[in-house]
Amino acid sequence: MIFHKNDINYLDDYISRKHLCLYPDTREVVFLCYKMHVTETEYEILKAMLSTRKKWFCAKDISAMLGGKISEQSIANHICNINSKAKHLGGRKLIKNMVQKGYFFNEEM
C-alpha cells in the first residue's frame, strides 16, 4: 500500500490522502496502516471529503454532499467520533475545525 504525502490519489481500487486510505469496494478505512472501524455515515463523510480537492468544508457542505440526509449537528458528532477512532490508533485528530472556515484534514496526521 503506498501513501502519497501531498496528493489525494484516485485509483480504481482506493482513494488516499497521506496516511488515510478508503477502499470503496469493501468500504474499509485504513489509517496509519491499521484498519479503522467506522460507521456507514462516518465512511460517507470521509469519502465525500476525500472525493474533492476542496480543502475546507462547512457542515452544510458536507451535508449537501451526502444528499442532505444528515444534519449539520450530526456531522459535528460524526467527525468527533472519527477523530476519537484515529487518536485511538495512535494518530492525531484526523479532521480539524476552524471557526468561520470549517473542517479540514489535519496536515500533521
Protein backbone atom coordinates (compact mmCIF):
# COMPACT_ATOMS: atom_id res chain seq x y z
CA MET A 1 0.00 0.00 0.00
CA ILE A 2 1.50 3.36 -1.00
CA PHE A 3 0.52 6.63 0.62
CA HIS A 4 1.49 9.89 -1.06
CA LYS A 5 2.11 12.83 1.24
CA ASN A 6 0.62 15.79 -0.60
CA ASP A 7 -1.87 14.47 -3.12
CA ILE A 8 -5.24 12.87 -2.99
CA ASN A 9 -4.90 9.76 -5.10
CA TYR A 10 -7.83 8.45 -7.09
CA LEU A 11 -7.21 4.90 -8.19
CA ASP A 12 -9.71 2.28 -9.25
CA ASP A 13 -9.48 0.38 -6.00
CA TYR A 14 -8.87 3.07 -3.37
CA ILE A 15 -8.79 6.79 -2.51
CA SER A 16 -5.95 8.02 -0.32
CA ARG A 17 -4.53 11.11 1.29
CA LYS A 18 -1.37 10.89 3.36
CA HIS A 19 -1.92 8.08 5.89
CA LEU A 20 -5.64 7.66 5.21
CA CYS A 21 -6.92 5.19 2.65
CA LEU A 22 -10.52 4.31 1.72
CA TYR A 23 -11.43 1.19 -0.21
CA PRO A 24 -14.80 1.77 -1.92
CA ASP A 25 -15.34 -1.88 -2.90
CA THR A 26 -15.11 -3.14 0.68
CA ARG A 27 -15.92 0.19 2.41
CA GLU A 28 -12.85 -0.22 4.61
CA VAL A 29 -10.83 2.63 6.07
CA VAL A 30 -7.11 2.27 6.80
CA PHE A 31 -5.31 4.91 8.86
CA LEU A 32 -1.62 4.69 9.80
CA CYS A 33 -1.62 1.16 8.27
CA TYR A 34 -4.36 -0.02 10.68
CA LYS A 35 -7.94 -0.79 9.82
CA MET A 36 -10.16 1.86 11.38
CA HIS A 37 -13.68 0.67 12.19
CA VAL A 38 -16.14 3.38 11.18
CA THR A 39 -19.90 3.57 10.78
CA GLU A 40 -21.53 3.89 7.36
CA THR A 41 -22.09 7.60 7.97
CA GLU A 42 -18.50 8.19 9.08
CA TYR A 43 -17.31 6.36 5.97
CA GLU A 44 -19.53 8.52 3.76
CA ILE A 45 -18.23 11.72 5.39
CA LEU A 46 -14.60 10.67 4.82
CA LYS A 47 -15.34 9.62 1.25
CA ALA A 48 -17.13 12.90 0.50
CA MET A 49 -14.24 14.94 1.90
CA LEU A 50 -11.62 12.88 0.04
CA SER A 51 -13.53 12.87 -3.23
CA THR A 52 -12.95 16.55 -3.86
CA ARG A 53 -9.86 18.71 -3.99
CA LYS A 54 -11.58 21.28 -1.81
CA LYS A 55 -9.61 21.99 1.38
CA TRP A 56 -12.29 23.49 3.66
CA PHE A 57 -15.73 22.02 4.35
CA CYS A 58 -18.50 23.58 6.39
CA ALA A 59 -21.03 21.18 7.91
CA LYS A 60 -23.63 22.46 5.44
CA ASP A 61 -21.35 21.50 2.50
CA ILE A 62 -20.75 18.02 3.90
CA SER A 63 -24.46 17.54 4.49
CA ALA A 64 -25.19 18.60 0.91
CA MET A 65 -22.54 16.19 -0.45
CA LEU A 66 -24.37 13.41 1.42
CA GLY A 67 -27.72 14.35 -0.10
CA GLY A 68 -28.94 16.41 2.88
CA LYS A 69 -29.83 13.31 4.87
CA ILE A 70 -27.55 14.21 7.82
CA SER A 71 -27.97 17.35 9.92
CA GLU A 72 -25.13 19.80 10.49
CA GLN A 73 -25.03 18.89 14.21
CA SER A 74 -24.79 15.19 13.33
CA ILE A 75 -21.85 15.98 11.05
CA ALA A 76 -20.02 17.51 14.03
CA ASN A 77 -20.76 14.44 16.17
CA HIS A 78 -19.59 12.01 13.48
CA ILE A 79 -16.37 13.97 12.92
CA CYS A 80 -15.74 13.89 16.67
CA ASN A 81 -16.17 10.09 16.56
CA ILE A 82 -13.81 9.80 13.57
CA ASN A 83 -11.18 11.79 15.46
CA SER A 84 -11.57 9.63 18.56
CA LYS A 85 -11.02 6.47 16.50
CA ALA A 86 -7.99 7.99 14.73
CA LYS A 87 -6.43 9.02 18.05
CA HIS A 88 -7.00 5.51 19.38
CA LEU A 89 -4.86 4.17 16.52
CA GLY A 90 -2.01 6.47 17.53
CA GLY A 91 -2.71 9.40 15.30
CA ARG A 92 -3.68 12.95 15.95
CA LYS A 93 -7.01 14.46 15.09
CA LEU A 94 -7.72 13.40 11.54
CA ILE A 95 -10.11 16.29 10.86
CA LYS A 96 -9.77 19.71 12.46
CA ASN A 97 -12.29 22.53 12.69
CA MET A 98 -11.57 26.24 12.46
CA VAL A 99 -14.28 28.71 13.43
CA GLN A 100 -15.66 30.63 10.43
CA LYS A 101 -13.77 28.37 8.00
CA GLY A 102 -14.97 24.84 8.61
CA TYR A 103 -13.49 21.36 8.68
CA PHE A 104 -10.21 20.37 7.07
CA PHE A 105 -7.85 17.39 7.10
CA ASN A 106 -5.04 17.72 9.62
CA GLU A 107 -1.83 18.16 7.64
CA GLU A 108 0.17 16.68 10.55
CA MET A 109 -1.74 13.39 10.61
